[in-house]
Protein backbone atom coordinates (compact mmCIF):
# COMPACT_ATOMS: atom_id res chain seq x y z
CA MET A 1 -3.00 62.21 75.63
CA PRO A 2 -3.21 58.38 75.43
CA VAL A 3 -3.19 56.53 78.74
CA SER A 4 -0.19 54.26 79.35
CA TYR A 5 -1.67 51.21 81.03
CA ASP A 6 1.81 49.98 81.93
CA ALA A 7 2.31 53.10 84.03
CA VAL A 8 -1.21 52.88 85.46
CA LEU A 9 -0.70 49.24 86.40
CA ALA A 10 2.54 50.12 88.19
CA ASP A 11 0.58 52.63 90.28
CA MET A 12 -2.09 50.01 91.00
CA VAL A 13 0.53 47.51 92.12
CA SER A 14 2.14 50.09 94.39
CA ALA A 15 -1.21 50.98 95.98
CA ALA A 16 -2.12 47.31 96.43
CA ARG A 17 1.21 46.59 98.13
CA GLU A 18 0.75 49.53 100.48
CA ALA A 19 -2.76 48.36 101.34
CA GLY A 20 -1.37 44.87 101.80
CA ALA A 21 1.18 46.06 104.33
CA LEU A 22 -1.51 48.01 106.20
CA THR A 23 -3.96 45.11 106.31
CA LEU A 24 -1.28 42.63 107.38
CA GLU A 25 -0.78 44.67 110.54
CA TYR A 26 -4.44 44.05 111.39
CA PHE A 27 -4.28 40.47 110.13
CA GLY A 28 -1.55 39.67 112.65
CA ARG A 29 -4.00 40.41 115.47
CA PHE A 30 -7.19 39.23 113.80
CA ARG A 31 -8.63 37.87 117.06
CA ASP A 32 -8.76 41.41 118.49
CA LEU A 33 -10.38 43.20 115.54
CA GLU A 34 -13.59 45.18 115.97
CA ILE A 35 -16.12 43.73 113.52
CA ARG A 36 -19.46 45.10 112.35
CA VAL A 37 -22.12 43.04 110.58
CA LYS A 38 -23.44 44.48 107.30
CA GLY A 39 -25.75 41.58 106.41
CA PRO A 40 -25.94 37.78 106.36
CA ALA A 41 -22.35 36.48 106.21
CA ASP A 42 -21.21 40.03 105.33
CA PHE A 43 -18.73 41.63 107.70
CA LEU A 44 -16.85 44.92 107.88
CA SER A 45 -13.64 45.53 109.79
CA GLU A 46 -11.67 48.70 110.48
CA ALA A 47 -9.02 47.29 108.15
CA ASP A 48 -11.46 47.32 105.19
CA MET A 49 -12.12 51.02 105.60
CA GLU A 50 -8.49 52.01 106.11
CA SER A 51 -7.41 49.92 103.14
CA GLU A 52 -9.97 51.53 100.83
CA ALA A 53 -9.15 55.03 102.09
CA LEU A 54 -5.45 54.45 101.39
CA ILE A 55 -6.05 53.09 97.89
CA ARG A 56 -8.46 55.92 97.06
CA GLU A 57 -5.97 58.54 98.24
CA ARG A 58 -3.13 57.02 96.21
CA LEU A 59 -5.07 56.53 92.97
CA LEU A 60 -7.09 59.75 92.95
CA GLY A 61 -3.92 61.62 93.91
CA LYS A 62 -2.40 60.42 90.63
CA TYR A 63 -5.59 60.42 88.52
CA PRO A 64 -7.87 63.07 90.06
CA GLU A 65 -10.33 63.25 87.16
CA TRP A 66 -11.23 59.56 87.18
CA SER A 67 -14.17 58.05 89.09
CA PHE A 68 -13.86 55.66 92.02
CA THR A 69 -16.21 52.95 93.29
CA GLY A 70 -15.24 50.99 96.37
CA GLU A 71 -16.81 48.52 98.74
CA GLU A 72 -16.97 50.64 101.88
CA PHE A 73 -17.61 54.30 100.96
CA ALA A 74 -19.82 56.28 98.59
CA ALA A 75 -18.67 56.40 94.97
CA ILE A 76 -16.76 59.43 93.70
CA GLU A 77 -17.75 60.74 90.28
CA GLY A 78 -14.84 62.27 88.39
CA ALA A 79 -14.77 64.76 85.56
CA ASP A 80 -13.57 62.12 83.09
CA THR A 81 -16.45 59.65 82.90
CA ARG A 82 -14.57 57.17 80.69
CA TYR A 83 -12.42 55.84 83.51
CA ARG A 84 -13.51 54.30 86.81
CA TRP A 85 -11.61 52.49 89.53
CA LEU A 86 -13.32 49.46 91.04
CA VAL A 87 -11.79 48.55 94.40
CA ASP A 88 -12.48 45.82 96.90
CA PRO A 89 -10.07 46.67 99.73
CA ILE A 90 -10.39 43.21 101.31
CA ASP A 91 -12.09 40.53 99.25
CA GLY A 92 -12.71 37.70 101.65
CA THR A 93 -13.40 39.68 104.82
CA THR A 94 -14.73 36.55 106.56
CA ASN A 95 -11.42 34.85 105.75
CA PHE A 96 -9.52 37.91 106.98
CA ILE A 97 -11.21 38.10 110.37
CA ASN A 98 -10.57 34.38 110.86
CA GLY A 99 -6.89 34.48 109.94
CA MET A 100 -7.17 33.02 106.43
CA HIS A 101 -6.01 34.28 103.03
CA TYR A 102 -7.70 37.33 101.47
CA THR A 103 -7.04 39.61 98.50
CA ILE A 104 -6.93 43.29 97.62
CA SER A 105 -8.56 43.93 94.26
CA ILE A 106 -8.04 47.02 92.07
CA ALA A 107 -9.54 47.19 88.57
CA LEU A 108 -9.59 50.00 86.05
CA ARG A 109 -12.61 50.25 83.77
CA CYS A 110 -12.72 52.25 80.55
CA GLY A 111 -16.00 52.61 78.72
CA GLY A 112 -17.59 49.78 80.66
CA GLU A 113 -14.72 47.32 80.11
CA THR A 114 -12.00 46.21 82.52
CA VAL A 115 -8.73 47.24 80.89
CA CYS A 116 -6.19 46.40 83.59
CA GLY A 117 -6.07 45.12 87.13
CA ALA A 118 -3.96 44.19 90.12
CA LEU A 119 -4.96 41.52 92.62
CA TYR A 120 -2.78 41.08 95.69
CA ASN A 121 -2.74 38.31 98.28
CA PRO A 122 -0.62 39.85 101.05
CA VAL A 123 -0.38 36.67 103.13
CA ALA A 124 1.21 34.69 100.27
CA ASP A 125 2.82 37.78 98.68
CA GLU A 126 1.20 36.92 95.35
CA MET A 127 0.63 39.80 92.95
CA PHE A 128 -1.59 38.96 89.99
CA THR A 129 -1.65 41.52 87.17
CA ALA A 130 -3.21 41.87 83.74
CA ILE A 131 -3.60 44.39 80.94
CA ARG A 132 -6.23 43.55 78.35
CA GLY A 133 -4.61 41.94 75.35
CA GLU A 134 -1.23 41.51 77.06
CA GLY A 135 -1.65 38.37 79.17
CA ALA A 136 -2.03 37.60 82.87
CA TYR A 137 0.87 37.33 85.31
CA LEU A 138 1.70 36.15 88.83
CA ASN A 139 4.74 37.92 90.29
CA GLY A 140 5.91 38.53 86.71
CA ARG A 141 5.38 34.97 85.45
CA ARG A 142 2.88 34.56 82.60
CA LEU A 143 -0.16 32.45 83.42
CA SER A 144 -2.31 29.96 81.57
CA VAL A 145 -5.39 28.08 82.70
CA SER A 146 -5.28 24.35 83.38
CA ARG A 147 -5.44 22.06 80.36
CA GLN A 148 -7.26 19.39 82.39
CA ALA A 149 -10.16 18.00 80.34
CA ASP A 150 -11.13 14.94 82.41
CA PRO A 151 -13.95 15.80 84.86
CA ARG A 152 -12.63 13.18 87.28
CA PHE A 153 -9.70 15.49 87.95
CA PHE A 154 -11.49 18.85 87.97
CA ALA A 155 -11.10 21.03 91.05
CA VAL A 156 -14.01 23.49 91.04
CA GLY A 157 -14.32 26.55 93.24
CA THR A 158 -17.54 28.09 94.51
CA GLY A 159 -19.07 29.75 97.56
CA LEU A 160 -21.75 28.44 99.87
CA PRO A 161 -24.94 30.45 99.35
CA THR A 162 -26.85 32.26 102.06
CA SER A 163 -30.58 32.83 102.14
CA ASN A 164 -30.36 36.42 100.88
CA LEU A 165 -29.08 35.35 97.45
CA ALA A 166 -31.57 35.31 94.59
CA LEU A 167 -30.23 32.05 93.17
CA TYR A 168 -30.37 30.26 96.52
CA PRO A 169 -33.32 27.91 95.77
CA GLY A 170 -31.89 24.58 94.68
CA ALA A 171 -28.27 25.70 95.15
CA TYR A 172 -27.20 22.69 97.16
CA GLU A 173 -28.90 20.26 94.80
CA ARG A 174 -27.02 21.83 91.90
CA LEU A 175 -23.79 21.67 93.87
CA ASP A 176 -24.37 17.98 94.53
CA ARG A 177 -24.82 17.33 90.80
CA ILE A 178 -21.59 19.17 90.07
CA ARG A 179 -19.66 17.54 92.90
CA ASN A 180 -20.49 13.90 92.32
CA PRO A 181 -18.32 13.02 89.28
CA ILE A 182 -15.44 15.50 89.74
CA GLY A 183 -12.26 15.43 91.77
CA ALA A 184 -13.06 18.14 94.33
CA VAL A 185 -15.01 21.26 95.23
CA ARG A 186 -13.07 24.00 96.99
CA VAL A 187 -14.34 27.11 98.80
CA VAL A 188 -11.52 29.64 98.67
CA GLY A 189 -13.53 32.33 100.42
CA SER A 190 -12.63 35.15 98.02
CA SER A 191 -14.23 35.57 94.61
CA ALA A 192 -11.21 37.41 93.27
CA ASN A 193 -8.74 34.83 94.58
CA SER A 194 -10.88 32.00 93.21
CA CYS A 195 -10.63 33.55 89.75
CA ALA A 196 -6.89 33.96 90.20
CA HIS A 197 -6.64 30.27 91.08
CA VAL A 198 -8.38 29.47 87.78
CA ALA A 199 -6.03 31.76 85.87
CA CYS A 200 -2.94 30.00 87.23
CA GLY A 201 -4.38 26.47 86.97
CA ARG A 202 -4.94 25.68 90.64
CA LEU A 203 -8.68 25.41 89.97
CA SER A 204 -10.20 24.05 86.76
CA GLY A 205 -13.15 26.41 87.13
CA TYR A 206 -15.19 28.54 89.47
CA PHE A 207 -18.86 29.50 89.63
CA GLU A 208 -20.81 31.69 92.00
CA GLU A 209 -23.28 34.51 92.28
CA SER A 210 -21.19 37.44 93.38
CA GLY A 211 -20.54 40.99 92.18
CA LEU A 212 -18.48 42.87 89.61
CA LEU A 213 -16.58 44.69 92.35
CA ASP A 214 -15.44 41.32 93.70
CA TRP A 215 -14.21 39.74 90.48
CA ALA A 216 -13.60 42.44 87.86
CA VAL A 217 -9.85 41.81 88.06
CA GLY A 218 -10.32 38.05 88.38
CA VAL A 219 -12.38 37.83 85.19
CA LEU A 220 -9.71 39.74 83.25
CA LEU A 221 -7.01 37.43 84.65
CA VAL A 222 -8.89 34.33 83.49
CA GLN A 223 -9.61 35.74 80.03
CA GLU A 224 -5.99 36.77 79.57
CA ALA A 225 -4.84 33.31 80.73
CA GLY A 226 -6.92 31.59 78.04
CA GLY A 227 -10.04 30.78 80.05
CA ILE A 228 -13.72 31.31 79.27
CA VAL A 229 -16.08 33.61 81.18
CA THR A 230 -19.87 33.62 80.80
CA ASP A 231 -22.92 33.67 82.98
CA TRP A 232 -24.51 30.36 84.01
CA TRP A 233 -26.40 30.20 80.70
CA GLY A 234 -23.50 30.96 78.37
CA ARG A 235 -24.14 34.69 77.99
CA GLY A 236 -21.57 37.49 77.94
CA PRO A 237 -20.62 40.46 80.14
CA GLU A 238 -23.81 42.38 79.38
CA PHE A 239 -25.46 39.72 81.56
CA TYR A 240 -22.95 38.43 84.10
CA GLU A 241 -21.67 41.88 85.04
CA LYS A 242 -25.19 42.89 86.01
CA THR A 243 -26.52 39.66 87.56
CA GLY A 244 -23.32 38.38 89.17
CA ALA A 245 -24.00 34.77 88.12
CA VAL A 246 -20.62 33.90 86.62
CA ILE A 247 -18.62 30.91 85.41
CA VAL A 248 -14.86 31.27 84.91
CA ALA A 249 -13.05 28.14 83.78
CA ASN A 250 -10.78 26.37 81.35
CA PRO A 251 -12.63 25.34 78.16
CA ALA A 252 -13.47 21.77 79.24
CA CYS A 253 -14.56 22.70 82.74
CA HIS A 254 -16.59 25.63 81.40
CA ALA A 255 -18.57 23.25 79.17
CA TYR A 256 -19.09 20.93 82.15
CA LEU A 257 -20.32 23.68 84.48
CA LEU A 258 -22.52 25.20 81.79
CA GLU A 259 -24.28 21.87 81.36
CA LYS A 260 -24.75 21.43 85.12
CA LEU A 261 -25.99 24.96 85.79
CA LYS A 262 -28.21 25.62 82.76
CA ASP A 263 -31.39 24.51 84.58
CA ALA A 264 -30.90 26.99 87.45
CA PRO A 265 -33.58 29.70 87.72
CA ARG A 266 -32.46 32.15 85.07
CA LYS A 267 -31.47 35.57 86.33
CA ASP A 268 -31.75 38.52 83.95
CA PRO A 269 -30.70 42.16 84.35
CA ARG A 270 -33.46 44.46 85.50
């Protein structure tokens, strides 16, 4: 029986809103949260785990044969290997534990491709949604990337690298080359939300080394809003989904970032 992605997306939105309500209860008392450190600049809160557990229960309750990969718990391998949920229960945990905006990211993959996704910012009550081939939306309003083509007015998102990242050498020199002629660099603090900002035109582009779990929904949003997604050297998903070195941007900003990043140490899938 064919899968109705409209119905699936409605279930994703419902789960994301539930997780949003749960995490907002913790967010309201962020100064009192118990935090554990997973690695350099990588934190885990009780809210992360409860959010993922809730989403997993809701989605696998409706689609028990599908697989599930989340940020906090071991993956679940379902009987139907075509479909897999990718869930980041709080993207931007450092933001979250400091009282700043974060997102809840739920993507559905089919055959190695993201086919639909829901990305929720509970603080702003912004629900971004997309089904492949059907456009990207924010609270029901169709999105398109910025048409800005003048680098002087680009706003570019990124993250600040830490020493455990493979592309760290020379990162700040590259950032300085990017920053000098453009309007602004912004650190949103959430890979998924950064992509969403590109999709709705708040950012001209975004680049970072991150992970598929973080931006699977965000990449789909940008593509469906008319943006371009490649790795830092212009290559497609067979590269950026494995290495994490991604550019998402409107066409003009993508060309600009590609030119500025092409000399970075090339990262290839192992």
